[in-house]
Amino acid sequence: MDVWLAKFYDIFTAQILDIGGTKFSIASISLLLGLLILAFFLSKLISETIRRAFLSRFRINRGLQEAITVFIKYFLITLSCTIILQTAGVNLSSLAVVAGVIGIGIGFGLQNLSSNFISGVVLLFEQTLKVGDYIEIGELKGVIEKISIRSTILRTDDDLFVIVPNQRLIEHNTVNWSYRGHTCRIHIPITVAPDTDLLVLTEALLTAARHEPYVLQNPSSEVRFQKFNRDALEFELLVWINDPNENETIRSSLNFRIAYEFKERGIKVPLPTRDIILRNPESVPYVMNALQSQSENLQLPNLAKSSAVNSFSTPSDFSSGNLRDLLRKISYFERCTEVELFALIARGYRKHFDICEVICQENEPSEEFYIILSGAVEVFSERNNQAIATLREGEFFGEISLLIGTPRTATVRALTADTVLFVVERQQLQKLLSEHKELGEQIAVKLSERQQVLVSLGLLNEEELQRSQYAALSWVRDRLNAIFGISLGKNVA
């Protein structure tokens, strides 16, 4: 037994390899490899510990943390391997020539691997793609889970992990939805029948966007007319979101909401049509008679009745009526063009209120004005503790306080459970007036005609009105210019 142990010892300790002037045995090579493997795992452990214990405490994004961790890991691996080899007596300078010759040969055979390696270093240094970013490359979409030296791991929307070579991310156009923030815009294509009321369509699309909780209200959603087709009109709803990872989910939810709004308003989506060319039109009556006699023999329902069964009834008009007509009844908008009405509807939205719910509070800043589409509201003075008026469908309130920038003079609350209001916010009104100066001038003229209201609010006095018949108009113009940052026509002295 001792003889065999001595032979095994001699075999393991026999010098079999000369590297850089240092001779190695099987035992020393095994020890050297063990130390190198241990150095690799210790370097990985130290880098992960630094990331969890220190980097995570600072306000550093996830991508930068991962990049720093990778650099620390490979730096420690390189440093520890150099120390181990030098301690073992390996002359690294003599190995450099051998490594260079071998590297040339390997380089030709492993061009893709070296390219991916360099691409990985570039990605880690540039930080244009980071861990946690939602990217799109070709038909592949997902979140970057890890960037290594050779490849990048991408988690798709289906929770599948795809290994993407780094070279592909560098050479191809890659869409980074999360670059410099997580806000992005998605496009929802819409096709409707040619006879669709464009104002009703616009309101339906913007209402669907407004009711979707994951759609941002600022920047505001938009509706764009793409093109005319022979049998349809093509539109596009553009909405902003701040969670690109939920892109497909939000898109699906919006489509459901749009379908519901279309059904409520009776908006039709055109079906594909085909043209049938008859070579022998004179034979049509004979064919129809044959089909009719065959259906009677088989006791099938009449073709006309069958088509009637398959037809569907169009939903009734929206309960709140035509918003265009309601806006026309308001003195400020009665002379608006169709384009101006279209822009006004696009800037507003519908809002539901429950019974006794407060719509606006007395003495609060004015940020919206309202048009009653259905139900009723009560105007109540808290200072005098009495009801002032009851407003119903088609009436409006809150416009004076909004336009001239004064606090609310009364509290308004809903009287019915089905109260629906059309709301226009200050920010949207400002954009509207900056784009349509003529509308701003019309509002100024109509508002100046309500002189008694302006006097009762203490904004004008009787002496100013007596000195000039244009005093009210001049004051209103200056007020609108100051509040909304617009430039109306010159004041009339």
Protein backbone atom coordinates (compact mmCIF):
# COMPACT_ATOMS: atom_id res chain seq x y z
CA MET A 1 0.00 0.00 0.00
CA ASP A 2 2.82 2.36 0.85
CA VAL A 3 4.43 1.57 -2.50
CA TRP A 4 1.31 2.63 -4.41
CA LEU A 5 1.02 5.83 -2.40
CA ALA A 6 4.65 6.62 -3.14
CA LYS A 7 4.07 6.07 -6.87
CA PHE A 8 0.99 8.32 -6.87
CA TYR A 9 2.95 10.94 -4.98
CA ASP A 10 5.79 10.78 -7.49
CA ILE A 11 3.32 11.11 -10.40
CA PHE A 12 1.54 14.16 -8.92
CA THR A 13 4.77 15.91 -7.90
CA ALA A 14 6.68 15.18 -11.11
CA GLN A 15 7.44 18.35 -13.11
CA ILE A 16 5.58 18.02 -16.40
CA LEU A 17 5.14 21.60 -17.64
CA ASP A 18 7.40 24.62 -17.99
CA ILE A 19 5.55 27.99 -18.11
CA GLY A 20 7.54 31.19 -18.21
CA GLY A 21 10.61 29.55 -16.77
CA THR A 22 8.72 27.90 -13.93
CA LYS A 23 8.14 24.18 -13.85
CA PHE A 24 4.78 22.81 -12.73
CA SER A 25 3.56 19.41 -11.60
CA ILE A 26 0.02 18.03 -11.62
CA ALA A 27 -0.35 18.99 -7.97
CA SER A 28 0.86 22.56 -8.47
CA ILE A 29 -1.33 22.98 -11.58
CA SER A 30 -4.37 21.70 -9.66
CA LEU A 31 -3.60 24.09 -6.80
CA LEU A 32 -3.15 26.98 -9.25
CA LEU A 33 -6.46 26.24 -10.99
CA GLY A 34 -8.22 25.95 -7.64
CA LEU A 35 -6.88 29.32 -6.55
CA LEU A 36 -7.98 30.93 -9.84
CA ILE A 37 -11.50 29.48 -9.51
CA LEU A 38 -11.64 30.65 -5.88
CA ALA A 39 -10.50 34.13 -6.97
CA PHE A 40 -13.27 34.23 -9.58
CA PHE A 41 -16.02 33.40 -7.08
CA LEU A 42 -14.61 35.71 -4.41
CA SER A 43 -14.47 38.58 -6.92
CA LYS A 44 -18.10 37.97 -7.85
CA LEU A 45 -19.11 37.76 -4.18
CA ILE A 46 -17.29 41.00 -3.28
CA SER A 47 -18.79 42.92 -6.22
CA GLU A 48 -22.32 41.75 -5.35
CA THR A 49 -21.76 42.66 -1.70
CA ILE A 50 -20.62 46.16 -2.69
CA ARG A 51 -23.72 46.58 -4.85
CA ARG A 52 -26.16 45.46 -2.16
CA ALA A 53 -24.46 47.07 0.83
CA PHE A 54 -23.29 50.38 -0.63
CA LEU A 55 -24.54 51.16 -4.14
CA SER A 56 -28.18 50.38 -3.33
CA ARG A 57 -28.12 52.98 -0.52
CA PHE A 58 -27.24 55.81 -2.90
CA ARG A 59 -29.73 57.28 -5.36
CA ILE A 60 -28.19 55.48 -8.31
CA ASN A 61 -30.42 53.92 -10.96
CA ARG A 62 -30.42 50.17 -11.37
CA GLY A 63 -28.55 50.23 -14.69
CA LEU A 64 -25.60 52.21 -13.32
CA GLN A 65 -25.42 49.94 -10.27
CA GLU A 66 -25.17 46.88 -12.52
CA ALA A 67 -22.49 48.53 -14.68
CA ILE A 68 -20.34 49.45 -11.65
CA THR A 69 -20.77 45.93 -10.27
CA VAL A 70 -19.57 44.35 -13.54
CA PHE A 71 -16.50 46.60 -13.69
CA ILE A 72 -15.58 45.85 -10.08
CA LYS A 73 -16.00 42.10 -10.67
CA TYR A 74 -13.76 41.94 -13.74
CA PHE A 75 -11.20 44.28 -12.19
CA LEU A 76 -10.92 42.03 -9.12
CA ILE A 77 -10.70 38.91 -11.33
CA THR A 78 -7.89 40.42 -13.39
CA LEU A 79 -6.03 41.68 -10.32
CA SER A 80 -6.35 38.42 -8.35
CA CYS A 81 -5.32 36.26 -11.33
CA THR A 82 -2.23 38.42 -11.88
CA ILE A 83 -1.23 38.16 -8.22
CA ILE A 84 -1.77 34.39 -8.13
CA LEU A 85 0.26 33.78 -11.29
CA GLN A 86 3.12 36.01 -10.16
CA THR A 87 3.14 34.39 -6.71
CA ALA A 88 3.34 30.99 -8.41
CA GLY A 89 6.47 32.19 -10.21
CA VAL A 90 5.00 32.54 -13.70
CA ASN A 91 6.86 35.14 -15.78
CA LEU A 92 3.94 37.12 -17.30
CA SER A 93 6.19 39.03 -19.71
CA SER A 94 7.25 35.79 -21.37
CA LEU A 95 3.61 34.74 -21.59
CA ALA A 96 2.63 37.94 -23.39
CA VAL A 97 4.31 36.91 -26.66
CA VAL A 98 2.73 33.45 -26.56
CA ALA A 99 -0.68 34.93 -25.71
CA GLY A 100 -0.36 37.39 -28.60
CA VAL A 101 0.40 34.66 -31.13
CA ILE A 102 -2.40 32.47 -29.82
CA GLY A 103 -4.74 35.49 -29.70
CA ILE A 104 -4.24 36.16 -33.42
CA GLY A 105 -5.20 32.61 -34.27
CA ILE A 106 -8.15 32.59 -31.94
CA GLY A 107 -9.27 36.03 -33.17
CA PHE A 108 -9.90 34.74 -36.69
CA GLY A 109 -11.94 31.84 -35.40
CA LEU A 110 -13.83 33.74 -32.71
CA GLN A 111 -14.59 37.04 -34.41
CA ASN A 112 -18.20 37.09 -33.22
CA LEU A 113 -17.19 36.37 -29.63
CA SER A 114 -14.63 39.16 -29.60
CA SER A 115 -17.10 41.52 -31.27
CA ASN A 116 -19.71 40.75 -28.62
CA PHE A 117 -17.08 41.31 -25.94
CA ILE A 118 -16.18 44.76 -27.27
CA SER A 119 -19.86 45.61 -27.75
CA GLY A 120 -20.54 44.65 -24.13
CA VAL A 121 -17.77 46.97 -22.93
CA VAL A 122 -19.22 49.80 -25.06
CA LEU A 123 -22.72 49.25 -23.64
CA LEU A 124 -21.41 49.30 -20.09
CA PHE A 125 -19.40 52.49 -20.68
CA GLU A 126 -21.94 54.47 -22.76
CA GLN A 127 -24.95 53.64 -20.57
CA THR A 128 -27.36 54.19 -23.49
CA LEU A 129 -28.88 50.83 -22.58
CA LYS A 130 -29.10 50.00 -18.89
CA VAL A 131 -30.54 47.25 -16.75
CA GLY A 132 -34.24 47.97 -16.19
CA ASP A 133 -34.75 49.76 -19.53
CA TYR A 134 -37.65 48.71 -21.74
CA ILE A 135 -36.28 48.32 -25.28
CA GLU A 136 -37.45 47.23 -28.71
CA ILE A 137 -35.15 45.65 -31.26
CA GLY A 138 -36.84 44.32 -34.37
CA GLU A 139 -39.89 42.35 -33.28
CA LEU A 140 -38.43 41.75 -29.83
CA LYS A 141 -39.63 43.87 -26.87
CA GLY A 142 -38.77 43.55 -23.22
CA VAL A 143 -36.92 44.72 -20.12
CA ILE A 144 -33.16 44.40 -19.82
CA GLU A 145 -32.45 42.13 -16.87
CA LYS A 146 -28.67 41.80 -17.19
CA ILE A 147 -25.82 43.10 -19.36
CA SER A 148 -22.77 40.85 -19.38
CA ILE A 149 -19.59 41.05 -21.41
CA ARG A 150 -20.87 38.70 -24.13
CA SER A 151 -24.65 39.03 -24.16
CA THR A 152 -27.67 40.84 -22.75
CA ILE A 153 -30.60 39.07 -21.12
CA LEU A 154 -33.99 40.46 -22.12
CA ARG A 155 -37.28 39.61 -20.36
CA THR A 156 -40.15 39.86 -22.86
CA ASP A 157 -43.78 40.82 -22.21
CA ASP A 158 -44.58 37.10 -22.08
CA ASP A 159 -42.09 36.70 -19.20
CA LEU A 160 -39.65 34.81 -21.42
CA PHE A 161 -35.91 35.39 -21.12
CA VAL A 162 -34.07 35.94 -24.39
CA ILE A 163 -30.28 36.04 -24.67
CA VAL A 164 -29.35 38.74 -27.18
CA PRO A 165 -25.74 39.06 -28.40
CA ASN A 166 -24.31 42.48 -27.56
CA GLN A 167 -23.21 42.98 -31.15
CA ARG A 168 -26.85 42.99 -32.29
CA LEU A 169 -27.69 45.80 -29.87
CA ILE A 170 -24.84 47.91 -31.21
CA GLU A 171 -25.28 47.27 -34.96
CA HIS A 172 -29.09 47.44 -35.20
CA ASN A 173 -31.48 50.27 -34.46
CA THR A 174 -32.62 49.75 -30.89
CA VAL A 175 -35.56 51.69 -29.47
CA ASN A 176 -35.03 52.50 -25.79
CA TRP A 177 -38.45 53.45 -24.44
CA SER A 178 -36.94 54.31 -21.05
CA TYR A 179 -34.09 56.56 -22.22
CA ARG A 180 -34.04 59.84 -20.25
CA GLY A 181 -37.27 59.09 -18.46
CA HIS A 182 -40.10 56.61 -18.72
CA THR A 183 -42.67 58.78 -20.53
CA CYS A 184 -43.59 57.62 -24.02
CA ARG A 185 -46.46 57.96 -26.47
CA ILE A 186 -48.44 55.14 -27.99
CA HIS A 187 -50.55 55.23 -31.15
CA ILE A 188 -54.00 53.65 -31.40
CA PRO A 189 -55.22 53.36 -35.04
CA ILE A 190 -58.96 53.92 -35.56
CA THR A 191 -61.06 53.31 -38.69
CA VAL A 192 -64.64 54.61 -38.94
CA ALA A 193 -67.38 54.96 -41.54
CA PRO A 194 -67.16 57.96 -43.93
CA ASP A 195 -70.39 59.53 -42.60
CA THR A 196 -69.15 59.67 -38.99
CA ASP A 197 -69.56 62.98 -37.16
CA LEU A 198 -65.96 64.05 -36.54
CA LEU A 199 -66.76 66.01 -33.40
CA VAL A 200 -68.58 63.06 -31.85
CA LEU A 201 -65.71 60.77 -32.83
CA THR A 202 -63.11 63.09 -31.31
CA GLU A 203 -65.01 63.35 -28.07
CA ALA A 204 -65.45 59.57 -27.89
CA LEU A 205 -61.72 58.92 -28.35
CA LEU A 206 -60.65 61.58 -25.85
CA THR A 207 -63.23 60.34 -23.34
CA ALA A 208 -61.78 56.82 -23.60
CA ALA A 209 -58.28 58.22 -23.04
CA ARG A 210 -59.45 60.34 -20.10
CA HIS A 211 -61.05 57.34 -18.36
CA GLU A 212 -57.95 55.16 -18.72
CA PRO A 213 -56.08 55.52 -15.38
CA TYR A 214 -52.65 54.73 -16.87
CA VAL A 215 -52.86 57.47 -19.51
CA LEU A 216 -51.21 60.76 -18.52
CA GLN A 217 -53.37 63.87 -18.62
CA ASN A 218 -50.33 66.07 -19.23
CA PRO A 219 -49.15 65.99 -22.01
CA SER A 220 -52.73 65.79 -23.22
CA SER A 221 -54.03 63.15 -25.60
CA GLU A 222 -54.55 63.98 -29.28
CA VAL A 223 -56.67 62.78 -32.17
CA ARG A 224 -55.13 62.96 -35.64
CA PHE A 225 -56.83 62.49 -38.99
CA GLN A 226 -54.57 60.19 -40.97
CA LYS A 227 -56.17 59.81 -44.42
CA PHE A 228 -59.26 59.25 -46.52
CA ASN A 229 -60.09 55.84 -47.92
CA ARG A 230 -62.83 54.90 -50.34
CA ASP A 231 -64.97 53.21 -47.69
CA ALA A 232 -63.51 54.55 -44.44
CA LEU A 233 -61.75 57.35 -42.59
CA GLU A 234 -58.55 56.59 -40.71
CA PHE A 235 -57.69 58.32 -37.43
CA GLU A 236 -55.10 57.88 -34.73
CA LEU A 237 -55.41 58.38 -30.98
CA LEU A 238 -52.12 59.46 -29.40
CA VAL A 239 -51.78 59.09 -25.63
CA TRP A 240 -48.86 59.43 -23.21
CA ILE A 241 -47.94 56.83 -20.59
CA ASN A 242 -45.14 56.63 -18.01
CA ASP A 243 -44.84 52.85 -17.81
CA PRO A 244 -43.54 51.43 -21.12
CA ASN A 245 -43.58 47.92 -19.65
CA GLU A 246 -47.39 48.05 -19.66
CA ASN A 247 -47.60 49.26 -23.25
CA GLU A 248 -49.61 46.32 -24.58
CA THR A 249 -51.87 46.15 -21.53
CA ILE A 250 -52.76 49.85 -21.76
CA ARG A 251 -53.33 49.52 -25.50
CA SER A 252 -55.78 46.66 -24.94
CA SER A 253 -57.63 48.56 -22.20
CA LEU A 254 -57.95 51.60 -24.47
CA ASN A 255 -59.39 49.47 -27.26
CA PHE A 256 -62.04 48.14 -24.88
CA ARG A 257 -62.94 51.66 -23.77
CA ILE A 258 -63.07 52.93 -27.35
CA ALA A 259 -65.39 50.08 -28.35
CA TYR A 260 -67.70 50.98 -25.47
CA GLU A 261 -67.72 54.69 -26.38
CA PHE A 262 -68.43 53.84 -30.04
CA LYS A 263 -71.38 51.67 -29.03
CA GLU A 264 -72.79 54.40 -26.78
CA ARG A 265 -72.59 57.01 -29.54
CA GLY A 266 -73.58 54.81 -32.47
CA ILE A 267 -70.24 55.20 -34.26
CA LYS A 268 -69.86 52.52 -36.91
CA VAL A 269 -66.69 50.71 -37.88
CA PRO A 270 -66.80 49.90 -41.62
CA LEU A 271 -66.68 46.28 -42.73
CA PRO A 272 -64.61 45.24 -45.75
CA THR A 273 -66.60 45.32 -48.99
CA ARG A 274 -66.23 43.49 -52.27
CA ASP A 275 -67.45 44.35 -55.74
CA ILE A 276 -69.29 41.58 -57.62
CA ILE A 277 -69.27 41.78 -61.41
CA LEU A 278 -72.02 39.79 -63.16
CA ARG A 279 -71.15 38.51 -66.60
CA ASN A 280 -74.75 37.49 -67.35
CA PRO A 281 -77.02 39.92 -65.44
CA GLU A 282 -80.06 38.70 -67.39
CA SER A 283 -79.83 35.34 -65.60
CA VAL A 284 -80.17 36.85 -62.11
CA PRO A 285 -84.02 36.58 -61.93
CA TYR A 286 -83.87 32.88 -62.84
CA VAL A 287 -81.24 32.21 -60.16
CA MET A 288 -83.25 34.06 -57.50
CA ASN A 289 -86.40 32.11 -58.38
CA ALA A 290 -84.50 28.87 -58.13
CA LEU A 291 -83.09 29.80 -54.71
CA GLN A 292 -86.52 30.85 -53.46
CA SER A 293 -88.16 27.61 -54.58
CA GLN A 294 -85.33 25.62 -53.00
CA SER A 295 -85.70 27.48 -49.68
CA GLU A 296 -89.46 26.80 -49.66
CA ASN A 297 -88.89 23.11 -50.26
CA LEU A 298 -86.40 22.96 -47.40
CA GLN A 299 -88.71 25.06 -45.18
CA LEU A 300 -86.03 27.73 -44.69
CA PRO A 301 -86.95 31.28 -43.69
CA ASN A 302 -87.30 33.90 -46.36
CA LEU A 303 -84.02 35.54 -47.40
CA ALA A 304 -85.33 38.99 -46.64
CA LYS A 305 -86.37 37.90 -43.14
CA SER A 306 -82.99 36.26 -42.58
CA SER A 307 -81.14 39.43 -43.50
CA ALA A 308 -83.39 41.38 -41.17
CA VAL A 309 -82.51 39.06 -38.31
CA ASN A 310 -78.80 39.50 -38.97
CA SER A 311 -79.04 43.28 -39.04
CA PHE A 312 -78.47 45.19 -35.81
CA SER A 313 -80.11 48.28 -34.49
CA THR A 314 -78.07 51.43 -34.04
CA PRO A 315 -77.86 52.60 -30.45
CA SER A 316 -79.86 55.69 -29.64
CA ASP A 317 -78.24 59.07 -29.54
CA PHE A 318 -76.07 59.76 -26.55
CA SER A 319 -78.25 60.78 -23.62
CA SER A 320 -76.53 64.10 -23.12
CA GLY A 321 -77.39 65.27 -26.60
CA ASN A 322 -75.21 66.80 -29.26
CA LEU A 323 -72.30 68.58 -27.64
CA ARG A 324 -71.87 70.78 -30.68
CA ASP A 325 -75.42 72.16 -30.30
CA LEU A 326 -74.94 72.74 -26.58
CA LEU A 327 -71.77 74.74 -27.20
CA ARG A 328 -73.59 76.77 -29.85
CA LYS A 329 -76.14 77.85 -27.23
CA ILE A 330 -73.41 79.45 -25.10
CA SER A 331 -72.98 83.09 -26.04
CA TYR A 332 -69.18 82.86 -25.97
CA PHE A 333 -69.15 80.12 -28.61
CA GLU A 334 -72.24 80.84 -30.71
CA ARG A 335 -70.16 82.29 -33.56
CA CYS A 336 -67.43 79.66 -33.46
CA THR A 337 -66.44 77.93 -36.67
CA GLU A 338 -66.52 74.14 -36.95
CA VAL A 339 -62.73 74.10 -36.57
CA GLU A 340 -62.89 76.12 -33.35
CA LEU A 341 -65.65 73.91 -31.95
CA PHE A 342 -63.60 70.86 -32.88
CA ALA A 343 -60.60 72.28 -30.98
CA LEU A 344 -62.78 73.17 -27.97
CA ILE A 345 -64.26 69.67 -27.74
CA ALA A 346 -60.79 68.16 -28.12
CA ARG A 347 -59.58 70.23 -25.13
CA GLY A 348 -62.43 69.24 -22.77
CA TYR A 349 -63.80 66.06 -21.28
CA ARG A 350 -66.94 64.62 -19.66
CA LYS A 351 -67.08 64.05 -15.92
CA HIS A 352 -69.74 62.28 -13.81
CA PHE A 353 -70.85 63.48 -10.37
CA ASP A 354 -72.92 61.72 -7.72
CA ILE A 355 -75.80 63.35 -5.87
CA CYS A 356 -74.68 66.05 -3.39
CA GLU A 357 -71.10 65.81 -4.64
CA VAL A 358 -69.39 69.23 -4.59
CA ILE A 359 -68.25 70.35 -8.03
CA CYS A 360 -66.50 73.56 -7.05
CA GLN A 361 -66.11 75.35 -3.72
CA GLU A 362 -66.76 78.99 -2.85
CA ASN A 363 -63.59 81.19 -2.60
CA GLU A 364 -61.42 78.52 -4.23
CA PRO A 365 -59.25 79.38 -7.28
CA SER A 366 -61.01 78.98 -10.63
CA GLU A 367 -59.43 76.23 -12.73
CA GLU A 368 -62.36 74.98 -14.87
CA PHE A 369 -65.67 75.97 -16.35
CA TYR A 370 -68.56 73.56 -16.83
CA ILE A 371 -71.42 72.79 -19.21
CA ILE A 372 -74.26 70.64 -17.89
CA LEU A 373 -74.86 67.72 -20.27
CA SER A 374 -77.36 65.86 -18.08
CA GLY A 375 -78.81 66.14 -14.57
CA ALA A 376 -78.97 69.32 -12.47
CA VAL A 377 -76.75 71.34 -10.11
CA GLU A 378 -77.42 73.76 -7.28
CA VAL A 379 -75.57 77.06 -6.88
CA PHE A 380 -75.26 77.74 -3.15
CA SER A 381 -73.85 80.73 -1.26
CA GLU A 382 -72.08 79.57 1.87
CA ARG A 383 -71.56 83.14 3.04
CA ASN A 384 -75.30 83.82 3.02
CA ASN A 385 -76.28 80.19 3.65
CA GLN A 386 -78.86 80.12 0.88
CA ALA A 387 -79.44 78.58 -2.52
CA ILE A 388 -78.97 81.01 -5.43
CA ALA A 389 -80.13 79.02 -8.43
CA THR A 390 -80.70 75.59 -9.93
CA LEU A 391 -79.08 74.92 -13.31
CA ARG A 392 -80.09 72.14 -15.67
CA GLU A 393 -79.10 70.49 -18.93
CA GLY A 394 -77.67 72.91 -21.49
CA GLU A 395 -76.72 75.61 -18.96
CA PHE A 396 -73.17 76.47 -17.92
CA PHE A 397 -71.30 78.03 -15.01
CA GLY A 398 -67.82 78.97 -13.79
CA GLU A 399 -66.73 80.69 -16.99
CA ILE A 400 -66.46 84.24 -15.61
CA SER A 401 -64.24 83.29 -12.68
CA LEU A 402 -62.01 81.26 -14.98
CA LEU A 403 -61.72 83.94 -17.67
CA ILE A 404 -61.02 86.90 -15.39
CA GLY A 405 -59.05 84.99 -12.76
CA THR A 406 -61.20 85.59 -9.67
CA PRO A 407 -62.06 83.06 -6.93
CA ARG A 408 -65.36 81.17 -7.03
CA THR A 409 -68.26 83.30 -5.81
CA ALA A 410 -70.44 80.32 -4.84
CA THR A 411 -70.39 76.57 -4.20
CA VAL A 412 -71.90 74.26 -6.81
CA ARG A 413 -73.05 70.70 -6.05
CA ALA A 414 -74.85 67.99 -8.00
CA LEU A 415 -78.58 67.50 -7.37
CA THR A 416 -78.97 64.20 -9.23
CA ALA A 417 -77.03 60.96 -9.33
CA ASP A 418 -76.64 61.08 -13.12
CA THR A 419 -75.12 64.54 -13.40
CA VAL A 420 -72.68 64.72 -16.33
CA LEU A 421 -70.64 67.86 -17.01
CA PHE A 422 -68.38 68.88 -19.86
CA VAL A 423 -65.23 70.33 -18.27
CA VAL A 424 -62.65 72.66 -19.81
CA GLU A 425 -59.56 73.27 -17.68
CA ARG A 426 -57.53 76.49 -17.54
CA GLN A 427 -54.43 74.94 -19.12
CA GLN A 428 -56.42 73.53 -22.04
CA LEU A 429 -58.31 76.81 -22.50
CA GLN A 430 -55.01 78.67 -22.61
CA LYS A 431 -53.74 76.40 -25.39
CA LEU A 432 -57.02 76.82 -27.24
CA LEU A 433 -56.96 80.63 -27.08
CA SER A 434 -53.30 80.78 -28.11
CA GLU A 435 -54.08 78.70 -31.19
CA HIS A 436 -57.35 80.48 -32.08
CA LYS A 437 -57.00 84.25 -31.52
CA GLU A 438 -60.36 84.93 -33.16
CA LEU A 439 -62.09 82.82 -30.51
CA GLY A 440 -60.34 84.82 -27.80
CA GLU A 441 -61.63 88.05 -29.33
CA GLN A 442 -65.18 86.67 -29.48
CA ILE A 443 -65.00 85.69 -25.80
CA ALA A 444 -63.67 89.14 -24.88
CA VAL A 445 -66.55 90.87 -26.69
CA LYS A 446 -69.22 88.66 -25.11
CA LEU A 447 -67.71 88.95 -21.65
CA SER A 448 -67.51 92.74 -21.91
CA GLU A 449 -71.26 92.83 -22.58
CA ARG A 450 -71.89 91.48 -19.07
CA GLN A 451 -71.03 94.82 -17.50
CA GLN A 452 -73.36 94.50 -14.52
CA VAL A 453 -71.68 91.27 -13.48
CA LEU A 454 -68.25 92.86 -13.69
CA VAL A 455 -69.46 95.83 -11.65
CA SER A 456 -71.03 93.58 -9.01
CA LEU A 457 -67.73 91.74 -8.64
CA GLY A 458 -65.95 95.05 -8.07
CA LEU A 459 -63.83 94.70 -11.22
CA LEU A 460 -65.28 97.76 -12.96
CA ASN A 461 -67.00 100.91 -11.71
CA GLU A 462 -69.74 103.02 -13.20
CA GLU A 463 -67.46 106.01 -13.80
CA GLU A 464 -65.17 104.03 -16.09
CA LEU A 465 -68.14 102.77 -18.10
CA GLN A 466 -69.53 106.30 -18.45
CA ARG A 467 -66.21 107.74 -19.65
CA SER A 468 -65.87 105.25 -22.52
CA GLN A 469 -68.22 102.78 -24.12
CA TYR A 470 -65.20 100.55 -24.81
CA ALA A 471 -63.90 100.57 -21.23
CA ALA A 472 -65.28 97.11 -20.44
CA LEU A 473 -63.91 95.57 -23.65
CA SER A 474 -60.52 97.18 -23.07
CA TRP A 475 -60.39 95.86 -19.50
CA VAL A 476 -61.45 92.34 -20.52
CA ARG A 477 -58.84 92.20 -23.29
CA ASP A 478 -56.08 93.25 -20.89
CA ARG A 479 -57.28 90.71 -18.36
CA LEU A 480 -57.31 87.83 -20.85
CA ASN A 481 -53.89 88.84 -22.15
CA ALA A 482 -52.48 88.85 -18.61
CA ILE A 483 -54.08 85.60 -17.43
CA PHE A 484 -53.69 83.43 -20.54
CA GLY A 485 -50.60 85.02 -22.08
CA ILE A 486 -52.31 85.74 -25.38
CA SER A 487 -52.23 88.88 -27.52
CA LEU A 488 -55.66 90.07 -28.57
CA GLY A 489 -56.38 93.06 -30.81
CA LYS A 490 -55.46 96.59 -29.88
CA ASN A 491 -57.63 98.23 -27.30
CA VAL A 492 -60.13 100.76 -28.53
CA ALA A 493 -59.83 104.09 -26.70
